[in-house]
Amino acid sequence: MEVVLRKYQDTDIPAMMRIWNHVVQESNAFPQIEQLSEEGAKNLFYSQTFTGVATVENEVLGLYILHPNNIGRCGHIANASYAVSENYRGLHIGEKLVRHSMKVARESGFLLLQFNAVVSTNAGAIHLYEQMGFQRLGVIPKGYLLGNGNYENIILYYIEL
């Protein structure tokens, strides 16, 4: 399976929206509660510094958005979010997306990549980030509202690019 990583195209939006909305619906990784409409998806993906997709034979398997984590004097720090189709998890698509986003972030002039809210129950993401050399900054107790109504800790991570 040859995975191609590239900038998204408008024709990718329906598949990207399905993947994104599924992660939102799972209620254990993204902070959003509302699902994206087609117009909302177009606006979200277009407004990023970079939106990338992982494809096999032009089928979108995953995506990421990359943007500044802050403005002004902190504008050199990037932030990103990743989503992989549930049918393709465990096949290192997420790792490919993270590596690609780090390369694009460097090329875009960012010096660091920071994740503000990795849910402590997201073992796959935590394992990946720590294996890739991301540094754990700390924990915010009960910083994330799970879909079941319970609160879970969130972990902040960063890596120098």
C-alpha atoms as a PDB file:
ATOM      1  CA  MET A   1       0.000   0.000   0.000  1.00  0.00           C
ATOM      2  CA  GLU A   2       1.693   3.178  -1.200  1.00  0.00           C
ATOM      3  CA  VAL A   3       0.531   6.148   0.842  1.00  0.00           C
ATOM      4  CA  VAL A   4       0.790   9.540  -0.860  1.00  0.00           C
ATOM      5  CA  LEU A   5       0.861  12.663   1.303  1.00  0.00           C
ATOM      6  CA  ARG A   6      -0.158  15.887  -0.393  1.00  0.00           C
ATOM      7  CA  LYS A   7      -2.046  19.149  -0.044  1.00  0.00           C
ATOM      8  CA  TYR A   8      -5.791  18.604  -0.039  1.00  0.00           C
ATOM      9  CA  GLN A   9      -7.937  19.350  -3.079  1.00  0.00           C
ATOM     10  CA  ASP A  10     -11.549  20.481  -3.106  1.00  0.00           C
ATOM     11  CA  THR A  11     -12.582  17.047  -4.384  1.00  0.00           C
ATOM     12  CA  ASP A  12     -11.184  15.547  -1.148  1.00  0.00           C
ATOM     13  CA  ILE A  13     -13.511  17.549   1.104  1.00  0.00           C
ATOM     14  CA  PRO A  14     -16.410  15.051   1.347  1.00  0.00           C
ATOM     15  CA  ALA A  15     -14.065  12.255   2.498  1.00  0.00           C
ATOM     16  CA  MET A  16     -12.162  14.619   4.794  1.00  0.00           C
ATOM     17  CA  MET A  17     -15.425  15.809   6.322  1.00  0.00           C
ATOM     18  CA  ARG A  18     -16.562  12.214   6.995  1.00  0.00           C
ATOM     19  CA  ILE A  19     -13.249  11.360   8.705  1.00  0.00           C
ATOM     20  CA  TRP A  20     -13.197  14.597  10.732  1.00  0.00           C
ATOM     21  CA  ASN A  21     -16.825  14.260  11.808  1.00  0.00           C
ATOM     22  CA  HIS A  22     -16.298  10.648  12.856  1.00  0.00           C
ATOM     23  CA  VAL A  23     -13.478  11.735  15.200  1.00  0.00           C
ATOM     24  CA  VAL A  24     -15.692  14.512  16.588  1.00  0.00           C
ATOM     25  CA  GLN A  25     -18.495  11.982  17.107  1.00  0.00           C
ATOM     26  CA  GLU A  26     -16.159   9.580  18.946  1.00  0.00           C
ATOM     27  CA  SER A  27     -15.746  12.359  21.550  1.00  0.00           C
ATOM     28  CA  ASN A  28     -12.290  11.315  22.743  1.00  0.00           C
ATOM     29  CA  ALA A  29      -9.770  13.391  20.791  1.00  0.00           C
ATOM     30  CA  PHE A  30     -11.013  16.624  19.167  1.00  0.00           C
ATOM     31  CA  PRO A  31     -12.363  19.508  21.255  1.00  0.00           C
ATOM     32  CA  GLN A  32     -15.186  20.249  18.812  1.00  0.00           C
ATOM     33  CA  ILE A  33     -18.710  19.189  19.695  1.00  0.00           C
ATOM     34  CA  GLU A  34     -20.484  20.214  16.489  1.00  0.00           C
ATOM     35  CA  GLN A  35     -19.906  18.282  13.298  1.00  0.00           C
ATOM     36  CA  LEU A  36     -18.731  20.112  10.199  1.00  0.00           C
ATOM     37  CA  SER A  37     -21.171  21.006   7.465  1.00  0.00           C
ATOM     38  CA  GLU A  38     -19.811  21.041   3.934  1.00  0.00           C
ATOM     39  CA  GLU A  39     -19.478  24.831   4.084  1.00  0.00           C
ATOM     40  CA  GLY A  40     -17.838  24.620   7.509  1.00  0.00           C
ATOM     41  CA  ALA A  41     -15.409  21.988   6.246  1.00  0.00           C
ATOM     42  CA  LYS A  42     -14.470  24.121   3.239  1.00  0.00           C
ATOM     43  CA  ASN A  43     -13.844  27.117   5.508  1.00  0.00           C
ATOM     44  CA  LEU A  44     -11.864  25.130   8.093  1.00  0.00           C
ATOM     45  CA  PHE A  45      -9.588  23.341   5.651  1.00  0.00           C
ATOM     46  CA  TYR A  46      -9.033  26.418   3.467  1.00  0.00           C
ATOM     47  CA  SER A  47      -8.159  28.703   6.406  1.00  0.00           C
ATOM     48  CA  GLN A  48      -5.160  26.674   7.619  1.00  0.00           C
ATOM     49  CA  THR A  49      -1.489  27.319   6.951  1.00  0.00           C
ATOM     50  CA  PHE A  50      -1.582  23.864   5.349  1.00  0.00           C
ATOM     51  CA  THR A  51      -4.117  21.078   5.130  1.00  0.00           C
ATOM     52  CA  GLY A  52      -2.714  17.731   4.090  1.00  0.00           C
ATOM     53  CA  VAL A  53      -4.184  14.370   3.225  1.00  0.00           C
ATOM     54  CA  ALA A  54      -2.863  10.818   3.165  1.00  0.00           C
ATOM     55  CA  THR A  55      -4.211   8.920   0.155  1.00  0.00           C
ATOM     56  CA  VAL A  56      -3.961   5.537  -1.474  1.00  0.00           C
ATOM     57  CA  GLU A  57      -5.066   5.539  -5.101  1.00  0.00           C
ATOM     58  CA  ASN A  58      -6.721   8.923  -4.465  1.00  0.00           C
ATOM     59  CA  GLU A  59      -8.811   7.575  -1.558  1.00  0.00           C
ATOM     60  CA  VAL A  60      -8.399   9.833   1.482  1.00  0.00           C
ATOM     61  CA  LEU A  61      -7.337   7.747   4.494  1.00  0.00           C
ATOM     62  CA  GLY A  62      -6.414  10.584   6.829  1.00  0.00           C
ATOM     63  CA  LEU A  63      -5.786  14.304   7.091  1.00  0.00           C
ATOM     64  CA  TYR A  64      -4.184  17.021   9.146  1.00  0.00           C
ATOM     65  CA  ILE A  65      -4.499  20.747   9.623  1.00  0.00           C
ATOM     66  CA  LEU A  66      -1.473  22.928  10.460  1.00  0.00           C
ATOM     67  CA  HIS A  67      -1.650  26.494  11.736  1.00  0.00           C
ATOM     68  CA  PRO A  68      -0.011  28.877  14.212  1.00  0.00           C
ATOM     69  CA  ASN A  69      -0.600  27.964  17.836  1.00  0.00           C
ATOM     70  CA  ASN A  70      -0.676  31.656  18.729  1.00  0.00           C
ATOM     71  CA  ILE A  71       0.022  35.088  17.243  1.00  0.00           C
ATOM     72  CA  GLY A  72       2.739  37.726  17.280  1.00  0.00           C
ATOM     73  CA  ARG A  73       5.733  36.880  19.439  1.00  0.00           C
ATOM     74  CA  CYS A  74       4.481  33.305  19.793  1.00  0.00           C
ATOM     75  CA  GLY A  75       3.615  32.916  16.115  1.00  0.00           C
ATOM     76  CA  HIS A  76       6.663  30.717  15.466  1.00  0.00           C
ATOM     77  CA  ILE A  77       4.949  27.829  17.268  1.00  0.00           C
ATOM     78  CA  ALA A  78       2.737  25.606  15.127  1.00  0.00           C
ATOM     79  CA  ASN A  79      -0.216  23.481  16.153  1.00  0.00           C
ATOM     80  CA  ALA A  80      -1.769  20.589  14.269  1.00  0.00           C
ATOM     81  CA  SER A  81      -4.678  18.175  14.432  1.00  0.00           C
ATOM     82  CA  TYR A  82      -4.771  14.727  12.837  1.00  0.00           C
ATOM     83  CA  ALA A  83      -7.554  12.359  11.860  1.00  0.00           C
ATOM     84  CA  VAL A  84      -7.328   8.874  10.362  1.00  0.00           C
ATOM     85  CA  SER A  85     -10.247   6.913   8.959  1.00  0.00           C
ATOM     86  CA  GLU A  86     -11.311   4.268  11.460  1.00  0.00           C
ATOM     87  CA  ASN A  87     -10.785   1.595   8.788  1.00  0.00           C
ATOM     88  CA  TYR A  88      -7.088   2.472   8.445  1.00  0.00           C
ATOM     89  CA  ARG A  89      -5.980   3.035  12.034  1.00  0.00           C
ATOM     90  CA  GLY A  90      -2.967   1.020  13.189  1.00  0.00           C
ATOM     91  CA  LEU A  91      -1.310   1.135   9.754  1.00  0.00           C
ATOM     92  CA  HIS A  92       1.070   4.043  10.561  1.00  0.00           C
ATOM     93  CA  ILE A  93      -1.009   6.579   8.606  1.00  0.00           C
ATOM     94  CA  GLY A  94      -0.994   8.860  11.668  1.00  0.00           C
ATOM     95  CA  GLU A  95       2.784   8.690  11.895  1.00  0.00           C
ATOM     96  CA  LYS A  96       3.097   9.612   8.218  1.00  0.00           C
ATOM     97  CA  LEU A  97       0.755  12.561   8.756  1.00  0.00           C
ATOM     98  CA  VAL A  98       2.730  13.799  11.778  1.00  0.00           C
ATOM     99  CA  ARG A  99       6.069  13.505   9.960  1.00  0.00           C
ATOM    100  CA  HIS A 100       4.675  15.305   6.920  1.00  0.00           C
ATOM    101  CA  SER A 101       3.236  18.084   9.089  1.00  0.00           C
ATOM    102  CA  MET A 102       6.600  18.554  10.803  1.00  0.00           C
ATOM    103  CA  LYS A 103       8.325  18.923   7.424  1.00  0.00           C
ATOM    104  CA  VAL A 104       5.700  21.377   6.160  1.00  0.00           C
ATOM    105  CA  ALA A 105       5.845  23.316   9.446  1.00  0.00           C
ATOM    106  CA  ARG A 106       9.632  23.712   9.121  1.00  0.00           C
ATOM    107  CA  GLU A 107       9.253  24.800   5.500  1.00  0.00           C
ATOM    108  CA  SER A 108       6.600  27.305   6.607  1.00  0.00           C
ATOM    109  CA  GLY A 109       8.991  28.921   9.096  1.00  0.00           C
ATOM    110  CA  PHE A 110       7.721  27.421  12.334  1.00  0.00           C
ATOM    111  CA  LEU A 111      10.355  26.514  14.946  1.00  0.00           C
ATOM    112  CA  LEU A 112       8.242  24.330  17.245  1.00  0.00           C
ATOM    113  CA  LEU A 113       5.169  22.150  17.041  1.00  0.00           C
ATOM    114  CA  GLN A 114       2.925  22.079  20.116  1.00  0.00           C
ATOM    115  CA  PHE A 115      -0.125  19.995  20.947  1.00  0.00           C
ATOM    116  CA  ASN A 116      -2.363  21.683  23.505  1.00  0.00           C
ATOM    117  CA  ALA A 117      -4.769  18.924  24.418  1.00  0.00           C
ATOM    118  CA  VAL A 118      -3.835  15.283  23.910  1.00  0.00           C
ATOM    119  CA  VAL A 119      -6.466  13.350  25.851  1.00  0.00           C
ATOM    120  CA  SER A 120      -4.787  11.035  28.345  1.00  0.00           C
ATOM    121  CA  THR A 121      -6.908   8.081  27.206  1.00  0.00           C
ATOM    122  CA  ASN A 122      -5.616   8.452  23.620  1.00  0.00           C
ATOM    123  CA  ALA A 123      -2.904   5.812  24.101  1.00  0.00           C
ATOM    124  CA  GLY A 124      -2.090   5.508  20.401  1.00  0.00           C
ATOM    125  CA  ALA A 125      -1.364   9.218  19.995  1.00  0.00           C
ATOM    126  CA  ILE A 126       0.630   9.377  23.240  1.00  0.00           C
ATOM    127  CA  HIS A 127       2.745   6.386  22.217  1.00  0.00           C
ATOM    128  CA  LEU A 128       3.376   7.876  18.762  1.00  0.00           C
ATOM    129  CA  TYR A 129       4.296  11.356  19.994  1.00  0.00           C
ATOM    130  CA  GLU A 130       6.649  10.070  22.675  1.00  0.00           C
ATOM    131  CA  GLN A 131       8.265   7.587  20.261  1.00  0.00           C
ATOM    132  CA  MET A 132       8.838  10.484  17.813  1.00  0.00           C
ATOM    133  CA  GLY A 133      10.585  12.572  20.469  1.00  0.00           C
ATOM    134  CA  PHE A 134       7.840  14.968  21.531  1.00  0.00           C
ATOM    135  CA  GLN A 135       8.392  16.288  25.044  1.00  0.00           C
ATOM    136  CA  ARG A 136       5.600  16.186  27.599  1.00  0.00           C
ATOM    137  CA  LEU A 137       5.085  19.661  29.036  1.00  0.00           C
ATOM    138  CA  GLY A 138       2.515  18.844  31.658  1.00  0.00           C
ATOM    139  CA  VAL A 139      -1.006  17.728  32.435  1.00  0.00           C
ATOM    140  CA  ILE A 140      -4.198  19.715  32.835  1.00  0.00           C
ATOM    141  CA  PRO A 141      -6.431  17.730  35.174  1.00  0.00           C
ATOM    142  CA  LYS A 142      -9.944  17.164  33.876  1.00  0.00           C
ATOM    143  CA  GLY A 143      -9.279  19.361  30.841  1.00  0.00           C
ATOM    144  CA  TYR A 144     -11.366  17.351  28.372  1.00  0.00           C
ATOM    145  CA  LEU A 145     -15.047  16.463  28.424  1.00  0.00           C
ATOM    146  CA  LEU A 146     -15.505  12.932  27.089  1.00  0.00           C
ATOM    147  CA  GLY A 147     -18.651  11.947  25.226  1.00  0.00           C
ATOM    148  CA  ASN A 148     -19.830   9.953  28.245  1.00  0.00           C
ATOM    149  CA  GLY A 149     -19.919  13.109  30.405  1.00  0.00           C
ATOM    150  CA  ASN A 150     -16.748  12.342  32.378  1.00  0.00           C
ATOM    151  CA  TYR A 151     -13.746  14.639  32.451  1.00  0.00           C
ATOM    152  CA  GLU A 152     -10.297  13.350  31.476  1.00  0.00           C
ATOM    153  CA  ASN A 153      -6.823  14.839  31.790  1.00  0.00           C
ATOM    154  CA  ILE A 154      -5.125  16.433  28.792  1.00  0.00           C
ATOM    155  CA  ILE A 155      -1.406  16.425  28.102  1.00  0.00           C
ATOM    156  CA  LEU A 156       0.578  19.155  26.389  1.00  0.00           C
ATOM    157  CA  TYR A 157       3.438  18.160  24.073  1.00  0.00           C
ATOM    158  CA  TYR A 158       6.004  19.973  21.932  1.00  0.00           C
ATOM    159  CA  ILE A 159       8.937  19.244  19.675  1.00  0.00           C
ATOM    160  CA  GLU A 160      11.580  21.497  18.155  1.00  0.00           C
ATOM    161  CA  LEU A 161      11.511  21.449  14.403  1.00  0.00           C
END
